């Protein structure tokens, strides 16, 4: 069954009665940068601060236990 959606058309803009192509859309950084990923990870760590504290505490206890068993 054919869809009722309209067929996509090229956009045109009227400027002083003349048809011209619209300006290009600004570039988007789809790939993402390392800085963006670190910012998101920091946001999650701050937002989930109770869980972050428990994980850091467990890591600290593991490090302390490993130092106590060293000869």
N, C-alpha and C. Protein backbone atom coordinates (compact mmCIF):
# COMPACT_ATOMS: atom_id res chain seq x y z
N UNK A 1 0.84 -1.17 0.00
CA UNK A 1 0.00 0.00 0.00
C UNK A 1 0.89 1.24 0.00
N UNK A 2 0.67 2.16 -0.89
CA UNK A 2 1.52 3.35 -0.95
C UNK A 2 1.28 4.24 0.27
N UNK A 3 2.35 4.89 0.68
CA UNK A 3 2.22 5.78 1.83
C UNK A 3 1.64 7.13 1.40
N UNK A 4 1.09 7.83 2.35
CA UNK A 4 0.46 9.12 2.07
C UNK A 4 1.45 10.26 2.29
N UNK A 5 2.66 9.94 2.74
CA UNK A 5 3.66 10.98 2.97
C UNK A 5 3.95 11.74 1.68
N UNK A 6 4.25 13.01 1.87
CA UNK A 6 4.57 13.82 0.69
C UNK A 6 5.96 13.47 0.18
N UNK A 7 6.18 13.70 -1.06
CA UNK A 7 7.47 13.44 -1.67
C UNK A 7 8.41 14.57 -1.26
N UNK A 8 9.61 14.26 -0.77
CA UNK A 8 10.50 15.34 -0.37
C UNK A 8 10.86 16.23 -1.56
N UNK A 9 10.80 17.50 -1.34
CA UNK A 9 11.10 18.48 -2.38
C UNK A 9 12.34 19.28 -1.98
N UNK A 10 12.99 19.83 -2.96
CA UNK A 10 14.12 20.71 -2.68
C UNK A 10 13.58 22.01 -2.11
N UNK A 11 14.21 22.50 -1.07
CA UNK A 11 13.76 23.75 -0.47
C UNK A 11 14.26 24.92 -1.29
N UNK A 12 13.40 25.89 -1.45
CA UNK A 12 13.80 27.14 -2.08
C UNK A 12 13.31 28.28 -1.22
N UNK A 13 13.99 29.40 -1.32
CA UNK A 13 13.65 30.57 -0.53
C UNK A 13 13.43 31.73 -1.49
N UNK A 14 12.43 32.53 -1.19
CA UNK A 14 12.21 33.72 -2.00
C UNK A 14 12.93 34.89 -1.36
N UNK A 15 13.73 35.55 -2.16
CA UNK A 15 14.44 36.73 -1.71
C UNK A 15 14.23 37.82 -2.76
N UNK A 16 13.48 38.84 -2.40
CA UNK A 16 13.17 39.94 -3.30
C UNK A 16 12.50 39.42 -4.57
N UNK A 17 11.64 38.44 -4.41
CA UNK A 17 10.89 37.91 -5.55
C UNK A 17 11.64 36.90 -6.39
N UNK A 18 12.88 36.62 -6.05
CA UNK A 18 13.65 35.64 -6.82
C UNK A 18 13.81 34.38 -6.00
N UNK A 19 13.77 33.24 -6.66
CA UNK A 19 13.97 31.97 -5.99
C UNK A 19 15.46 31.70 -5.87
N UNK A 20 15.91 31.47 -4.65
CA UNK A 20 17.31 31.14 -4.42
C UNK A 20 17.40 29.94 -3.50
N UNK A 21 18.52 29.28 -3.53
CA UNK A 21 18.72 28.13 -2.64
C UNK A 21 18.95 28.66 -1.23
N UNK A 22 18.46 27.94 -0.21
CA UNK A 22 18.68 28.39 1.17
C UNK A 22 20.14 28.21 1.57
N UNK A 23 20.57 28.89 2.62
CA UNK A 23 21.95 28.70 3.07
C UNK A 23 22.16 27.29 3.59
N UNK A 24 23.40 26.85 3.57
CA UNK A 24 23.71 25.50 4.05
C UNK A 24 23.47 25.40 5.55
N UNK A 25 23.12 24.21 5.97
CA UNK A 25 22.95 23.96 7.40
C UNK A 25 24.33 23.96 8.05
N UNK A 26 24.42 24.41 9.30
CA UNK A 26 25.73 24.40 9.95
C UNK A 26 26.24 22.98 10.13
N UNK A 27 27.56 22.85 10.17
CA UNK A 27 28.16 21.53 10.34
C UNK A 27 27.83 20.99 11.71
N UNK A 28 27.60 19.71 11.76
CA UNK A 28 27.36 19.06 13.04
C UNK A 28 28.48 18.07 13.29
N UNK A 29 28.94 17.99 14.52
CA UNK A 29 30.01 17.08 14.89
C UNK A 29 29.38 15.75 15.32
N UNK A 30 29.04 14.92 14.34
CA UNK A 30 28.37 13.66 14.64
C UNK A 30 29.32 12.63 15.24
N UNK A 31 30.58 12.69 14.87
CA UNK A 31 31.52 11.68 15.32
C UNK A 31 31.75 11.76 16.83
N UNK A 32 31.68 12.95 17.38
CA UNK A 32 31.92 13.10 18.82
C UNK A 32 33.41 13.12 19.11
N UNK A 33 33.78 13.90 20.07
CA UNK A 33 35.19 14.00 20.42
C UNK A 33 35.41 13.38 21.80
N UNK A 34 36.67 13.18 22.12
CA UNK A 34 37.02 12.60 23.41
C UNK A 34 36.56 13.52 24.54
N UNK A 35 36.67 14.84 24.33
CA UNK A 35 36.24 15.79 25.35
C UNK A 35 34.75 15.64 25.64
N UNK A 36 33.96 15.42 24.60
CA UNK A 36 32.51 15.25 24.78
C UNK A 36 32.21 13.97 25.57
N UNK A 37 32.92 12.88 25.25
CA UNK A 37 32.70 11.63 25.97
C UNK A 37 33.11 11.75 27.44
N UNK A 38 34.22 12.46 27.70
CA UNK A 38 34.65 12.65 29.09
C UNK A 38 33.66 13.51 29.86
N UNK A 39 33.10 14.51 29.20
CA UNK A 39 32.12 15.37 29.86
C UNK A 39 30.87 14.57 30.22
N UNK A 40 30.44 13.70 29.34
CA UNK A 40 29.27 12.87 29.61
C UNK A 40 29.57 11.89 30.75
N UNK A 41 30.76 11.28 30.73
CA UNK A 41 31.13 10.34 31.80
C UNK A 41 31.21 11.06 33.14
N UNK A 42 31.75 12.27 33.16
CA UNK A 42 31.81 13.04 34.40
C UNK A 42 30.41 13.39 34.89
N UNK A 43 29.53 13.71 33.97
CA UNK A 43 28.15 14.00 34.35
C UNK A 43 27.46 12.80 34.97
N UNK A 44 27.69 11.63 34.41
CA UNK A 44 27.11 10.42 35.00
C UNK A 44 27.71 10.14 36.37
N UNK A 45 29.03 10.32 36.51
CA UNK A 45 29.68 10.05 37.79
C UNK A 45 29.16 10.99 38.87
N UNK A 46 28.96 12.26 38.52
CA UNK A 46 28.43 13.21 39.50
C UNK A 46 26.96 12.93 39.78
N UNK A 47 26.21 12.58 38.75
CA UNK A 47 24.79 12.29 38.93
C UNK A 47 24.54 11.03 39.74
N UNK A 48 25.44 10.08 39.62
CA UNK A 48 25.30 8.82 40.36
C UNK A 48 26.32 8.78 41.50
N UNK A 49 26.44 9.88 42.24
CA UNK A 49 27.49 10.00 43.25
C UNK A 49 27.43 8.92 44.32
N UNK A 50 26.25 8.42 44.77
CA UNK A 50 26.31 7.35 45.78
C UNK A 50 26.98 6.09 45.24
N UNK A 51 26.66 5.73 44.02
CA UNK A 51 27.27 4.55 43.41
C UNK A 51 28.75 4.78 43.17
N UNK A 52 29.10 6.00 42.75
CA UNK A 52 30.51 6.32 42.55
C UNK A 52 31.29 6.20 43.85
N UNK A 53 30.71 6.66 44.95
CA UNK A 53 31.38 6.55 46.26
C UNK A 53 31.58 5.09 46.66
N UNK A 54 30.59 4.26 46.42
CA UNK A 54 30.71 2.84 46.78
C UNK A 54 31.80 2.17 45.94
N UNK A 55 31.84 2.49 44.66
CA UNK A 55 32.87 1.90 43.79
C UNK A 55 34.26 2.36 44.22
N UNK A 56 34.42 3.65 44.53
CA UNK A 56 35.72 4.14 44.98
C UNK A 56 36.12 3.54 46.31
N UNK A 57 35.18 3.36 47.21
CA UNK A 57 35.46 2.74 48.49
C UNK A 57 35.91 1.29 48.30
N UNK A 58 35.19 0.54 47.46
CA UNK A 58 35.56 -0.85 47.20
C UNK A 58 36.95 -0.93 46.56
N UNK A 59 37.24 -0.03 45.63
CA UNK A 59 38.56 -0.02 45.00
C UNK A 59 39.64 0.30 46.02
N UNK A 60 39.38 1.26 46.89
CA UNK A 60 40.34 1.60 47.94
C UNK A 60 40.59 0.44 48.88
N UNK A 61 39.53 -0.27 49.25
CA UNK A 61 39.70 -1.43 50.14
C UNK A 61 40.50 -2.53 49.46
N UNK A 62 40.28 -2.73 48.17
CA UNK A 62 41.06 -3.74 47.44
C UNK A 62 42.54 -3.36 47.39
N UNK A 63 42.81 -2.09 47.17
CA UNK A 63 44.21 -1.65 47.12
C UNK A 63 44.85 -1.81 48.49
N UNK A 64 44.14 -1.43 49.54
CA UNK A 64 44.68 -1.59 50.90
C UNK A 64 44.91 -3.06 51.24
N UNK A 65 43.99 -3.93 50.85
CA UNK A 65 44.15 -5.35 51.13
C UNK A 65 45.34 -5.92 50.38
N UNK A 66 45.57 -5.46 49.16
CA UNK A 66 46.72 -5.97 48.41
C UNK A 66 48.04 -5.50 49.03
N UNK A 67 48.05 -4.29 49.60
CA UNK A 67 49.27 -3.81 50.25
C UNK A 67 49.51 -4.51 51.58
N UNK A 68 48.48 -4.94 52.26
CA UNK A 68 48.65 -5.60 53.53
C UNK A 68 49.19 -7.02 53.37
N UNK A 69 48.92 -7.66 52.25
CA UNK A 69 49.37 -9.03 52.04
C UNK A 69 50.74 -9.10 51.41
N UNK A 70 51.34 -7.95 51.06
CA UNK A 70 52.70 -7.96 50.49
C UNK A 70 53.70 -8.35 51.57
N UNK A 71 54.72 -9.15 51.20
CA UNK A 71 55.72 -9.55 52.20
C UNK A 71 56.65 -8.42 52.58
